[in-house]
Full PDB file with SEQRES, HELIX, SHEET, SSBOND, CRYST1, ORIGX, SCALE, CONECT and MASTER records, all heavy atoms in Angstrom:
SEQRES   1 A   36  HIS ASP LEU ILE GLY SER ILE PHE ALA ARG ALA GLN ASP          
SEQRES   2 A   36  GLY VAL ALA PRO ASP VAL ARG ARG ILE THR SER ASP GLN          
SEQRES   3 A   36  LEU LYS TYR LEU ARG ASP LEU ILE VAL ARG                      
HELIX    1 AA1 ASP A    2  PHE A    8  1                                   7    
HELIX    2 AA2 SER A   24  VAL A   35  1                                  12    
CRYST1    1.000    1.000    1.000  90.00  90.00  90.00 P 1           1          
ORIGX1      1.000000  0.000000  0.000000        0.00000                         
ORIGX2      0.000000  1.000000  0.000000        0.00000                         
ORIGX3      0.000000  0.000000  1.000000        0.00000                         
SCALE1      1.000000  0.000000  0.000000        0.00000                         
SCALE2      0.000000  1.000000  0.000000        0.00000                         
SCALE3      0.000000  0.000000  1.000000        0.00000                         
ATOM      1  N   HIS A   1      51.386  15.203 -75.143  1.00  0.00           N  
ATOM      2  CA  HIS A   1      50.728  13.920 -75.434  1.00  0.00           C  
ATOM      3  C   HIS A   1      51.344  12.782 -74.640  1.00  0.00           C  
ATOM      4  O   HIS A   1      50.646  11.869 -74.187  1.00  0.00           O  
ATOM      5  CB  HIS A   1      50.774  13.642 -76.923  1.00  0.00           C  
ATOM      6  CG  HIS A   1      49.878  14.570 -77.690  1.00  0.00           C  
ATOM      7  ND1 HIS A   1      48.526  14.455 -77.730  1.00  0.00           N  
ATOM      8  CD2 HIS A   1      50.181  15.622 -78.482  1.00  0.00           C  
ATOM      9  CE1 HIS A   1      47.988  15.376 -78.518  1.00  0.00           C  
ATOM     10  NE2 HIS A   1      48.984  16.116 -78.968  1.00  0.00           N  
ATOM     11  N   ASP A   2      52.680  12.801 -74.458  1.00  0.00           N  
ATOM     12  CA  ASP A   2      53.344  11.784 -73.649  1.00  0.00           C  
ATOM     13  C   ASP A   2      52.863  11.802 -72.225  1.00  0.00           C  
ATOM     14  O   ASP A   2      52.588  10.763 -71.636  1.00  0.00           O  
ATOM     15  CB  ASP A   2      54.873  11.958 -73.698  1.00  0.00           C  
ATOM     16  CG  ASP A   2      55.485  11.752 -75.051  1.00  0.00           C  
ATOM     17  OD1 ASP A   2      54.890  11.039 -75.890  1.00  0.00           O  
ATOM     18  OD2 ASP A   2      56.573  12.310 -75.280  1.00  0.00           O  
ATOM     19  N   LEU A   3      52.812  13.013 -71.662  1.00  0.00           N  
ATOM     20  CA  LEU A   3      52.391  13.151 -70.256  1.00  0.00           C  
ATOM     21  C   LEU A   3      50.920  12.652 -70.099  1.00  0.00           C  
ATOM     22  O   LEU A   3      50.636  11.892 -69.190  1.00  0.00           O  
ATOM     23  CB  LEU A   3      52.480  14.605 -69.789  1.00  0.00           C  
ATOM     24  CG  LEU A   3      52.024  14.872 -68.381  1.00  0.00           C  
ATOM     25  CD1 LEU A   3      52.775  14.044 -67.376  1.00  0.00           C  
ATOM     26  CD2 LEU A   3      52.133  16.366 -68.036  1.00  0.00           C  
ATOM     27  N   ILE A   4      50.045  13.082 -70.978  1.00  0.00           N  
ATOM     28  CA  ILE A   4      48.636  12.672 -70.907  1.00  0.00           C  
ATOM     29  C   ILE A   4      48.535  11.177 -71.127  1.00  0.00           C  
ATOM     30  O   ILE A   4      47.754  10.501 -70.425  1.00  0.00           O  
ATOM     31  CB  ILE A   4      47.789  13.462 -71.872  1.00  0.00           C  
ATOM     32  CG1 ILE A   4      47.594  14.888 -71.342  1.00  0.00           C  
ATOM     33  CG2 ILE A   4      46.409  12.794 -72.089  1.00  0.00           C  
ATOM     34  CD1 ILE A   4      46.812  15.824 -72.212  1.00  0.00           C  
ATOM     35  N   GLY A   5      49.321  10.623 -72.069  1.00  0.00           N  
ATOM     36  CA  GLY A   5      49.303   9.174 -72.251  1.00  0.00           C  
ATOM     37  C   GLY A   5      49.682   8.423 -70.985  1.00  0.00           C  
ATOM     38  O   GLY A   5      49.070   7.418 -70.658  1.00  0.00           O  
ATOM     39  N   SER A   6      50.713   8.948 -70.276  1.00  0.00           N  
ATOM     40  CA  SER A   6      51.097   8.236 -69.038  1.00  0.00           C  
ATOM     41  C   SER A   6      50.051   8.384 -67.943  1.00  0.00           C  
ATOM     42  O   SER A   6      49.850   7.456 -67.126  1.00  0.00           O  
ATOM     43  CB  SER A   6      52.472   8.783 -68.572  1.00  0.00           C  
ATOM     44  OG  SER A   6      52.337  10.106 -68.079  1.00  0.00           O  
ATOM     45  N   ILE A   7      49.340   9.529 -67.921  1.00  0.00           N  
ATOM     46  CA  ILE A   7      48.312   9.740 -66.914  1.00  0.00           C  
ATOM     47  C   ILE A   7      47.108   8.805 -67.186  1.00  0.00           C  
ATOM     48  O   ILE A   7      46.599   8.166 -66.266  1.00  0.00           O  
ATOM     49  CB  ILE A   7      47.833  11.201 -66.911  1.00  0.00           C  
ATOM     50  CG1 ILE A   7      48.946  12.111 -66.338  1.00  0.00           C  
ATOM     51  CG2 ILE A   7      46.534  11.360 -66.111  1.00  0.00           C  
ATOM     52  CD1 ILE A   7      48.687  13.573 -66.536  1.00  0.00           C  
ATOM     53  N   PHE A   8      46.712   8.627 -68.483  1.00  0.00           N  
ATOM     54  CA  PHE A   8      45.599   7.812 -68.796  1.00  0.00           C  
ATOM     55  C   PHE A   8      45.956   6.305 -68.852  1.00  0.00           C  
ATOM     56  O   PHE A   8      45.068   5.453 -68.921  1.00  0.00           O  
ATOM     57  CB  PHE A   8      44.899   8.263 -70.055  1.00  0.00           C  
ATOM     58  CG  PHE A   8      43.951   9.397 -69.831  1.00  0.00           C  
ATOM     59  CD1 PHE A   8      44.342  10.702 -70.019  1.00  0.00           C  
ATOM     60  CD2 PHE A   8      42.633   9.128 -69.428  1.00  0.00           C  
ATOM     61  CE1 PHE A   8      43.460  11.730 -69.798  1.00  0.00           C  
ATOM     62  CE2 PHE A   8      41.765  10.146 -69.206  1.00  0.00           C  
ATOM     63  CZ  PHE A   8      42.168  11.483 -69.384  1.00  0.00           C  
ATOM     64  N   ALA A   9      47.253   5.975 -68.823  1.00  0.00           N  
ATOM     65  CA  ALA A   9      47.665   4.574 -68.892  1.00  0.00           C  
ATOM     66  C   ALA A   9      47.320   3.809 -67.597  1.00  0.00           C  
ATOM     67  O   ALA A   9      47.161   2.633 -67.616  1.00  0.00           O  
ATOM     68  CB  ALA A   9      49.167   4.500 -69.138  1.00  0.00           C  
ATOM     69  N   ARG A  10      47.162   4.549 -66.540  1.00  0.00           N  
ATOM     70  CA  ARG A  10      46.820   3.902 -65.228  1.00  0.00           C  
ATOM     71  C   ARG A  10      45.360   4.259 -64.853  1.00  0.00           C  
ATOM     72  O   ARG A  10      45.009   5.436 -64.762  1.00  0.00           O  
ATOM     73  CB  ARG A  10      47.769   4.423 -64.183  1.00  0.00           C  
ATOM     74  CG  ARG A  10      49.202   3.993 -64.348  1.00  0.00           C  
ATOM     75  CD  ARG A  10      50.145   4.575 -63.335  1.00  0.00           C  
ATOM     76  NE  ARG A  10      50.151   6.055 -63.264  1.00  0.00           N  
ATOM     77  CZ  ARG A  10      50.821   6.830 -64.111  1.00  0.00           C  
ATOM     78  NH1 ARG A  10      51.522   6.332 -65.053  1.00  0.00           N  
ATOM     79  NH2 ARG A  10      50.769   8.149 -63.940  1.00  0.00           N  
ATOM     80  N   ALA A  11      44.570   3.252 -64.620  1.00  0.00           N  
ATOM     81  CA  ALA A  11      43.186   3.480 -64.191  1.00  0.00           C  
ATOM     82  C   ALA A  11      43.160   4.026 -62.775  1.00  0.00           C  
ATOM     83  O   ALA A  11      44.044   3.774 -61.967  1.00  0.00           O  
ATOM     84  CB  ALA A  11      42.399   2.183 -64.218  1.00  0.00           C  
ATOM     85  N   GLN A  12      42.181   4.847 -62.514  1.00  0.00           N  
ATOM     86  CA  GLN A  12      41.969   5.411 -61.159  1.00  0.00           C  
ATOM     87  C   GLN A  12      40.619   4.949 -60.647  1.00  0.00           C  
ATOM     88  O   GLN A  12      39.612   5.044 -61.374  1.00  0.00           O  
ATOM     89  CB  GLN A  12      42.053   6.950 -61.191  1.00  0.00           C  
ATOM     90  CG  GLN A  12      43.405   7.471 -61.484  1.00  0.00           C  
ATOM     91  CD  GLN A  12      43.461   9.017 -61.413  1.00  0.00           C  
ATOM     92  OE1 GLN A  12      42.415   9.683 -61.457  1.00  0.00           O  
ATOM     93  NE2 GLN A  12      44.622   9.558 -61.408  1.00  0.00           N  
ATOM     94  N   ASP A  13      40.551   4.538 -59.399  1.00  0.00           N  
ATOM     95  CA  ASP A  13      39.319   4.118 -58.806  1.00  0.00           C  
ATOM     96  C   ASP A  13      38.447   5.330 -58.542  1.00  0.00           C  
ATOM     97  O   ASP A  13      38.937   6.408 -58.184  1.00  0.00           O  
ATOM     98  CB  ASP A  13      39.572   3.413 -57.475  1.00  0.00           C  
ATOM     99  CG  ASP A  13      40.281   2.075 -57.653  1.00  0.00           C  
ATOM    100  OD1 ASP A  13      40.112   1.450 -58.721  1.00  0.00           O  
ATOM    101  OD2 ASP A  13      40.999   1.639 -56.734  1.00  0.00           O  
ATOM    102  N   GLY A  14      37.158   5.166 -58.767  1.00  0.00           N  
ATOM    103  CA  GLY A  14      36.168   6.198 -58.390  1.00  0.00           C  
ATOM    104  C   GLY A  14      35.955   7.270 -59.445  1.00  0.00           C  
ATOM    105  O   GLY A  14      35.254   8.223 -59.166  1.00  0.00           O  
ATOM    106  N   VAL A  15      36.580   7.134 -60.602  1.00  0.00           N  
ATOM    107  CA  VAL A  15      36.365   8.122 -61.681  1.00  0.00           C  
ATOM    108  C   VAL A  15      36.057   7.369 -62.969  1.00  0.00           C  
ATOM    109  O   VAL A  15      36.422   6.207 -63.141  1.00  0.00           O  
ATOM    110  CB  VAL A  15      37.544   9.093 -61.895  1.00  0.00           C  
ATOM    111  CG1 VAL A  15      37.743   9.978 -60.694  1.00  0.00           C  
ATOM    112  CG2 VAL A  15      38.808   8.358 -62.238  1.00  0.00           C  
ATOM    113  N   ALA A  16      35.378   8.038 -63.865  1.00  0.00           N  
ATOM    114  CA  ALA A  16      35.035   7.453 -65.160  1.00  0.00           C  
ATOM    115  C   ALA A  16      36.305   7.129 -65.960  1.00  0.00           C  
ATOM    116  O   ALA A  16      37.381   7.752 -65.720  1.00  0.00           O  
ATOM    117  CB  ALA A  16      34.140   8.362 -65.945  1.00  0.00           C  
ATOM    118  N   PRO A  17      36.271   6.214 -66.923  1.00  0.00           N  
ATOM    119  CA  PRO A  17      37.461   5.876 -67.713  1.00  0.00           C  
ATOM    120  C   PRO A  17      38.063   7.007 -68.500  1.00  0.00           C  
ATOM    121  O   PRO A  17      39.210   6.989 -68.823  1.00  0.00           O  
ATOM    122  CB  PRO A  17      36.946   4.784 -68.693  1.00  0.00           C  
ATOM    123  CG  PRO A  17      35.658   4.276 -68.100  1.00  0.00           C  
ATOM    124  CD  PRO A  17      35.092   5.390 -67.276  1.00  0.00           C  
ATOM    125  N   ASP A  18      37.237   8.036 -68.789  1.00  0.00           N  
ATOM    126  CA  ASP A  18      37.762   9.170 -69.572  1.00  0.00           C  
ATOM    127  C   ASP A  18      38.102  10.378 -68.705  1.00  0.00           C  
ATOM    128  O   ASP A  18      38.343  11.477 -69.171  1.00  0.00           O  
ATOM    129  CB  ASP A  18      36.745   9.599 -70.648  1.00  0.00           C  
ATOM    130  CG  ASP A  18      35.398  10.018 -70.049  1.00  0.00           C  
ATOM    131  OD1 ASP A  18      35.156   9.682 -68.864  1.00  0.00           O  
ATOM    132  OD2 ASP A  18      34.644  10.615 -70.757  1.00  0.00           O  
ATOM    133  N   VAL A  19      38.230  10.138 -67.374  1.00  0.00           N  
ATOM    134  CA  VAL A  19      38.567  11.215 -66.412  1.00  0.00           C  
ATOM    135  C   VAL A  19      39.711  10.741 -65.575  1.00  0.00           C  
ATOM    136  O   VAL A  19      39.795   9.570 -65.189  1.00  0.00           O  
ATOM    137  CB  VAL A  19      37.338  11.531 -65.529  1.00  0.00           C  
ATOM    138  CG1 VAL A  19      37.734  12.534 -64.457  1.00  0.00           C  
ATOM    139  CG2 VAL A  19      36.163  12.050 -66.326  1.00  0.00           C  
ATOM    140  N   ARG A  20      40.615  11.664 -65.253  1.00  0.00           N  
ATOM    141  CA  ARG A  20      41.710  11.398 -64.306  1.00  0.00           C  
ATOM    142  C   ARG A  20      41.850  12.587 -63.365  1.00  0.00           C  
ATOM    143  O   ARG A  20      41.730  13.729 -63.747  1.00  0.00           O  
ATOM    144  CB  ARG A  20      43.046  11.208 -65.017  1.00  0.00           C  
ATOM    145  CG  ARG A  20      43.129   9.954 -65.869  1.00  0.00           C  
ATOM    146  CD  ARG A  20      43.062   8.720 -65.008  1.00  0.00           C  
ATOM    147  NE  ARG A  20      43.214   7.526 -65.759  1.00  0.00           N  
ATOM    148  CZ  ARG A  20      42.224   6.822 -66.305  1.00  0.00           C  
ATOM    149  NH1 ARG A  20      40.991   7.243 -66.170  1.00  0.00           N  
ATOM    150  NH2 ARG A  20      42.427   5.719 -66.956  1.00  0.00           N  
ATOM    151  N   ARG A  21      42.113  12.274 -62.116  1.00  0.00           N  
ATOM    152  CA  ARG A  21      42.488  13.301 -61.128  1.00  0.00           C  
ATOM    153  C   ARG A  21      43.992  13.521 -61.274  1.00  0.00           C  
ATOM    154  O   ARG A  21      44.748  12.586 -61.375  1.00  0.00           O  
ATOM    155  CB  ARG A  21      42.146  12.825 -59.739  1.00  0.00           C  
ATOM    156  CG  ARG A  21      40.657  12.730 -59.462  1.00  0.00           C  
ATOM    157  CD  ARG A  21      40.393  12.252 -58.065  1.00  0.00           C  
ATOM    158  NE  ARG A  21      41.002  10.970 -57.767  1.00  0.00           N  
ATOM    159  CZ  ARG A  21      40.401   9.794 -57.857  1.00  0.00           C  
ATOM    160  NH1 ARG A  21      39.125   9.739 -58.184  1.00  0.00           N  
ATOM    161  NH2 ARG A  21      41.005   8.670 -57.578  1.00  0.00           N  
ATOM    162  N   ILE A  22      44.393  14.799 -61.349  1.00  0.00           N  
ATOM    163  CA  ILE A  22      45.810  15.101 -61.448  1.00  0.00           C  
ATOM    164  C   ILE A  22      46.206  16.092 -60.378  1.00  0.00           C  
ATOM    165  O   ILE A  22      45.367  16.885 -59.897  1.00  0.00           O  
ATOM    166  CB  ILE A  22      46.187  15.688 -62.866  1.00  0.00           C  
ATOM    167  CG1 ILE A  22      45.401  16.957 -63.172  1.00  0.00           C  
ATOM    168  CG2 ILE A  22      45.934  14.635 -63.936  1.00  0.00           C  
ATOM    169  CD1 ILE A  22      45.815  17.625 -64.463  1.00  0.00           C  
ATOM    170  N   THR A  23      47.452  16.083 -60.008  1.00  0.00           N  
ATOM    171  CA  THR A  23      47.940  16.957 -58.965  1.00  0.00           C  
ATOM    172  C   THR A  23      48.237  18.350 -59.516  1.00  0.00           C  
ATOM    173  O   THR A  23      48.307  18.549 -60.721  1.00  0.00           O  
ATOM    174  CB  THR A  23      49.246  16.419 -58.351  1.00  0.00           C  
ATOM    175  OG1 THR A  23      50.261  16.433 -59.345  1.00  0.00           O  
ATOM    176  CG2 THR A  23      49.057  14.998 -57.810  1.00  0.00           C  
ATOM    177  N   SER A  24      48.420  19.298 -58.655  1.00  0.00           N  
ATOM    178  CA  SER A  24      48.753  20.652 -59.075  1.00  0.00           C  
ATOM    179  C   SER A  24      50.070  20.646 -59.839  1.00  0.00           C  
ATOM    180  O   SER A  24      50.239  21.381 -60.809  1.00  0.00           O  
ATOM    181  CB  SER A  24      48.864  21.573 -57.856  1.00  0.00           C  
ATOM    182  OG  SER A  24      47.606  21.702 -57.252  1.00  0.00           O  
ATOM    183  N   ASP A  25      51.043  19.846 -59.387  1.00  0.00           N  
ATOM    184  CA  ASP A  25      52.352  19.763 -60.113  1.00  0.00           C  
ATOM    185  C   ASP A  25      52.180  19.189 -61.527  1.00  0.00           C  
ATOM    186  O   ASP A  25      52.776  19.680 -62.468  1.00  0.00           O  
ATOM    187  CB  ASP A  25      53.324  18.902 -59.309  1.00  0.00           C  
ATOM    188  CG  ASP A  25      53.810  19.563 -58.039  1.00  0.00           C  
ATOM    189  OD1 ASP A  25      53.729  20.817 -57.967  1.00  0.00           O  
ATOM    190  OD2 ASP A  25      54.281  18.881 -57.162  1.00  0.00           O  
ATOM    191  N   GLN A  26      51.314  18.180 -61.683  1.00  0.00           N  
ATOM    192  CA  GLN A  26      51.067  17.618 -62.993  1.00  0.00           C  
ATOM    193  C   GLN A  26      50.388  18.673 -63.905  1.00  0.00           C  
ATOM    194  O   GLN A  26      50.683  18.799 -65.084  1.00  0.00           O  
ATOM    195  CB  GLN A  26      50.199  16.384 -62.936  1.00  0.00           C  
ATOM    196  CG  GLN A  26      50.920  15.180 -62.393  1.00  0.00           C  
ATOM    197  CD  GLN A  26      49.966  13.987 -62.194  1.00  0.00           C  
ATOM    198  OE1 GLN A  26      48.883  14.171 -61.593  1.00  0.00           O  
ATOM    199  NE2 GLN A  26      50.366  12.831 -62.641  1.00  0.00           N  
ATOM    200  N   LEU A  27      49.437  19.405 -63.316  1.00  0.00           N  
ATOM    201  CA  LEU A  27      48.736  20.446 -64.055  1.00  0.00           C  
ATOM    202  C   LEU A  27      49.718  21.529 -64.515  1.00  0.00           C  
ATOM    203  O   LEU A  27      49.699  21.938 -65.694  1.00  0.00           O  
ATOM    204  CB  LEU A  27      47.640  21.061 -63.200  1.00  0.00           C  
ATOM    205  CG  LEU A  27      46.870  22.240 -63.811  1.00  0.00           C  
ATOM    206  CD1 LEU A  27      46.205  21.842 -65.100  1.00  0.00           C  
ATOM    207  CD2 LEU A  27      45.889  22.795 -62.809  1.00  0.00           C  
ATOM    208  N   LYS A  28      50.583  21.974 -63.642  1.00  0.00           N  
ATOM    209  CA  LYS A  28      51.590  22.983 -64.028  1.00  0.00           C  
ATOM    210  C   LYS A  28      52.506  22.467 -65.092  1.00  0.00           C  
ATOM    211  O   LYS A  28      52.815  23.185 -66.082  1.00  0.00           O  
ATOM    212  CB  LYS A  28      52.370  23.413 -62.762  1.00  0.00           C  
ATOM    213  CG  LYS A  28      53.392  24.490 -63.078  1.00  0.00           C  
ATOM    214  CD  LYS A  28      54.174  24.868 -61.825  1.00  0.00           C  
ATOM    215  CE  LYS A  28      55.203  25.949 -62.068  1.00  0.00           C  
ATOM    216  NZ  LYS A  28      55.929  25.915 -63.298  1.00  0.00           N  
ATOM    217  N   TYR A  29      52.964  21.225 -64.936  1.00  0.00           N  
ATOM    218  CA  TYR A  29      53.869  20.633 -65.933  1.00  0.00           C  
ATOM    219  C   TYR A  29      53.151  20.509 -67.295  1.00  0.00           C  
ATOM    220  O   TYR A  29      53.782  20.817 -68.306  1.00  0.00           O  
ATOM    221  CB  TYR A  29      54.363  19.293 -65.416  1.00  0.00           C  
ATOM    222  CG  TYR A  29      55.449  18.653 -66.258  1.00  0.00           C  
ATOM    223  CD1 TYR A  29      56.501  19.381 -66.761  1.00  0.00           C  
ATOM    224  CD2 TYR A  29      55.392  17.302 -66.533  1.00  0.00           C  
ATOM    225  CE1 TYR A  29      57.492  18.765 -67.510  1.00  0.00           C  
ATOM    226  CE2 TYR A  29      56.380  16.681 -67.322  1.00  0.00           C  
ATOM    227  CZ  TYR A  29      57.422  17.405 -67.779  1.00  0.00           C  
ATOM    228  OH  TYR A  29      58.401  16.830 -68.542  1.00  0.00           O  
ATOM    229  N   LEU A  30      51.925  20.080 -67.302  1.00  0.00           N  
ATOM    230  CA  LEU A  30      51.175  19.946 -68.546  1.00  0.00           C  
ATOM    231  C   LEU A  30      51.032  21.318 -69.225  1.00  0.00           C  
ATOM    232  O   LEU A  30      51.302  21.418 -70.438  1.00  0.00           O  
ATOM    233  CB  LEU A  30      49.802  19.330 -68.270  1.00  0.00           C  
ATOM    234  CG  LEU A  30      48.879  19.199 -69.510  1.00  0.00           C  
ATOM    235  CD1 LEU A  30      49.518  18.364 -70.581  1.00  0.00           C  
ATOM    236  CD2 LEU A  30      47.504  18.668 -69.088  1.00  0.00           C  
ATOM    237  N   ARG A  31      50.694  22.332 -68.466  1.00  0.00           N  
ATOM    238  CA  ARG A  31      50.590  23.687 -69.076  1.00  0.00           C  
ATOM    239  C   ARG A  31      51.923  24.147 -69.637  1.00  0.00           C  
ATOM    240  O   ARG A  31      51.953  24.702 -70.739  1.00  0.00           O  
ATOM    241  CB  ARG A  31      50.121  24.665 -67.999  1.00  0.00           C  
ATOM    242  CG  ARG A  31      48.664  24.595 -67.742  1.00  0.00           C  
ATOM    243  CD  ARG A  31      48.286  25.686 -66.753  1.00  0.00           C  
ATOM    244  NE  ARG A  31      46.840  25.684 -66.516  1.00  0.00           N  
ATOM    245  CZ  ARG A  31      46.314  25.960 -65.351  1.00  0.00           C  
ATOM    246  NH1 ARG A  31      47.094  26.242 -64.310  1.00  0.00           N  
ATOM    247  NH2 ARG A  31      45.005  25.943 -65.192  1.00  0.00           N  
ATOM    248  N   ASP A  32      52.999  23.892 -68.896  1.00  0.00           N  
ATOM    249  CA  ASP A  32      54.328  24.285 -69.385  1.00  0.00           C  
ATOM    250  C   ASP A  32      54.674  23.581 -70.681  1.00  0.00           C  
ATOM    251  O   ASP A  32      55.222  24.165 -71.598  1.00  0.00           O  
ATOM    252  CB  ASP A  32      55.406  24.005 -68.313  1.00  0.00           C  
ATOM    253  CG  ASP A  32      55.317  24.898 -67.124  1.00  0.00           C  
ATOM    254  OD1 ASP A  32      54.621  25.949 -67.189  1.00  0.00           O  
ATOM    255  OD2 ASP A  32      55.947  24.572 -66.100  1.00  0.00           O  
ATOM    256  N   LEU A  33      54.381  22.288 -70.758  1.00  0.00           N  
ATOM    257  CA  LEU A  33      54.628  21.546 -71.990  1.00  0.00           C  
ATOM    258  C   LEU A  33      53.852  22.067 -73.159  1.00  0.00           C  
ATOM    259  O   LEU A  33      54.365  22.165 -74.278  1.00  0.00           O  
ATOM    260  CB  LEU A  33      54.355  20.031 -71.765  1.00  0.00           C  
ATOM    261  CG  LEU A  33      55.282  19.279 -70.884  1.00  0.00           C  
ATOM    262  CD1 LEU A  33      54.758  17.869 -70.650  1.00  0.00           C  
ATOM    263  CD2 LEU A  33      56.709  19.218 -71.447  1.00  0.00           C  
ATOM    264  N   ILE A  34      52.599  22.410 -72.951  1.00  0.00           N  
ATOM    265  CA  ILE A  34      51.757  22.892 -74.074  1.00  0.00           C  
ATOM    266  C   ILE A  34      52.268  24.239 -74.521  1.00  0.00           C  
ATOM    267  O   ILE A  34      52.355  24.499 -75.723  1.00  0.00           O  
ATOM    268  CB  ILE A  34      50.289  22.995 -73.579  1.00  0.00           C  
ATOM    269  CG1 ILE A  34      49.706  21.600 -73.378  1.00  0.00           C  
ATOM    270  CG2 ILE A  34      49.432  23.763 -74.597  1.00  0.00           C  
ATOM    271  CD1 ILE A  34      48.351  21.544 -72.708  1.00  0.00           C  
ATOM    272  N   VAL A  35      52.649  25.122 -73.604  1.00  0.00           N  
ATOM    273  CA  VAL A  35      53.163  26.441 -73.975  1.00  0.00           C  
ATOM    274  C   VAL A  35      54.468  26.320 -74.714  1.00  0.00           C  
ATOM    275  O   VAL A  35      54.717  27.039 -75.719  1.00  0.00           O  
ATOM    276  CB  VAL A  35      53.333  27.324 -72.710  1.00  0.00           C  
ATOM    277  CG1 VAL A  35      54.108  28.573 -73.011  1.00  0.00           C  
ATOM    278  CG2 VAL A  35      51.950  27.675 -72.137  1.00  0.00           C  
ATOM    279  N   ARG A  36      55.351  25.417 -74.329  1.00  0.00           N  
ATOM    280  CA  ARG A  36      56.645  25.234 -74.974  1.00  0.00           C  
ATOM    281  C   ARG A  36      56.594  24.628 -76.359  1.00  0.00           C  
ATOM    282  O   ARG A  36      57.420  24.895 -77.180  1.00  0.00           O  
ATOM    283  CB  ARG A  36      57.579  24.385 -74.107  1.00  0.00           C  
ATOM    284  CG  ARG A  36      58.274  25.172 -73.025  1.00  0.00           C  
ATOM    285  CD  ARG A  36      59.381  24.397 -72.391  1.00  0.00           C  
ATOM    286  NE  ARG A  36      58.815  23.842 -71.163  1.00  0.00           N  
ATOM    287  CZ  ARG A  36      59.173  22.720 -70.595  1.00  0.00           C  
ATOM    288  NH1 ARG A  36      60.099  22.000 -71.157  1.00  0.00           N  
ATOM    289  NH2 ARG A  36      58.666  22.309 -69.457  1.00  0.00           N  
TER     290      ARG A  36                                                      
MASTER        0    0    0    2    0    0    0    6  289    1    0    3          
END                                                                             
């Protein structure tokens, strides 16, 4: 939840307010956090 909160705290141009583009490293880190 902390990681997702930090991702959604910053707006991104060109995407809807409820969507964020994330990197492969962020995706891997998010999965690891959820599993742990």
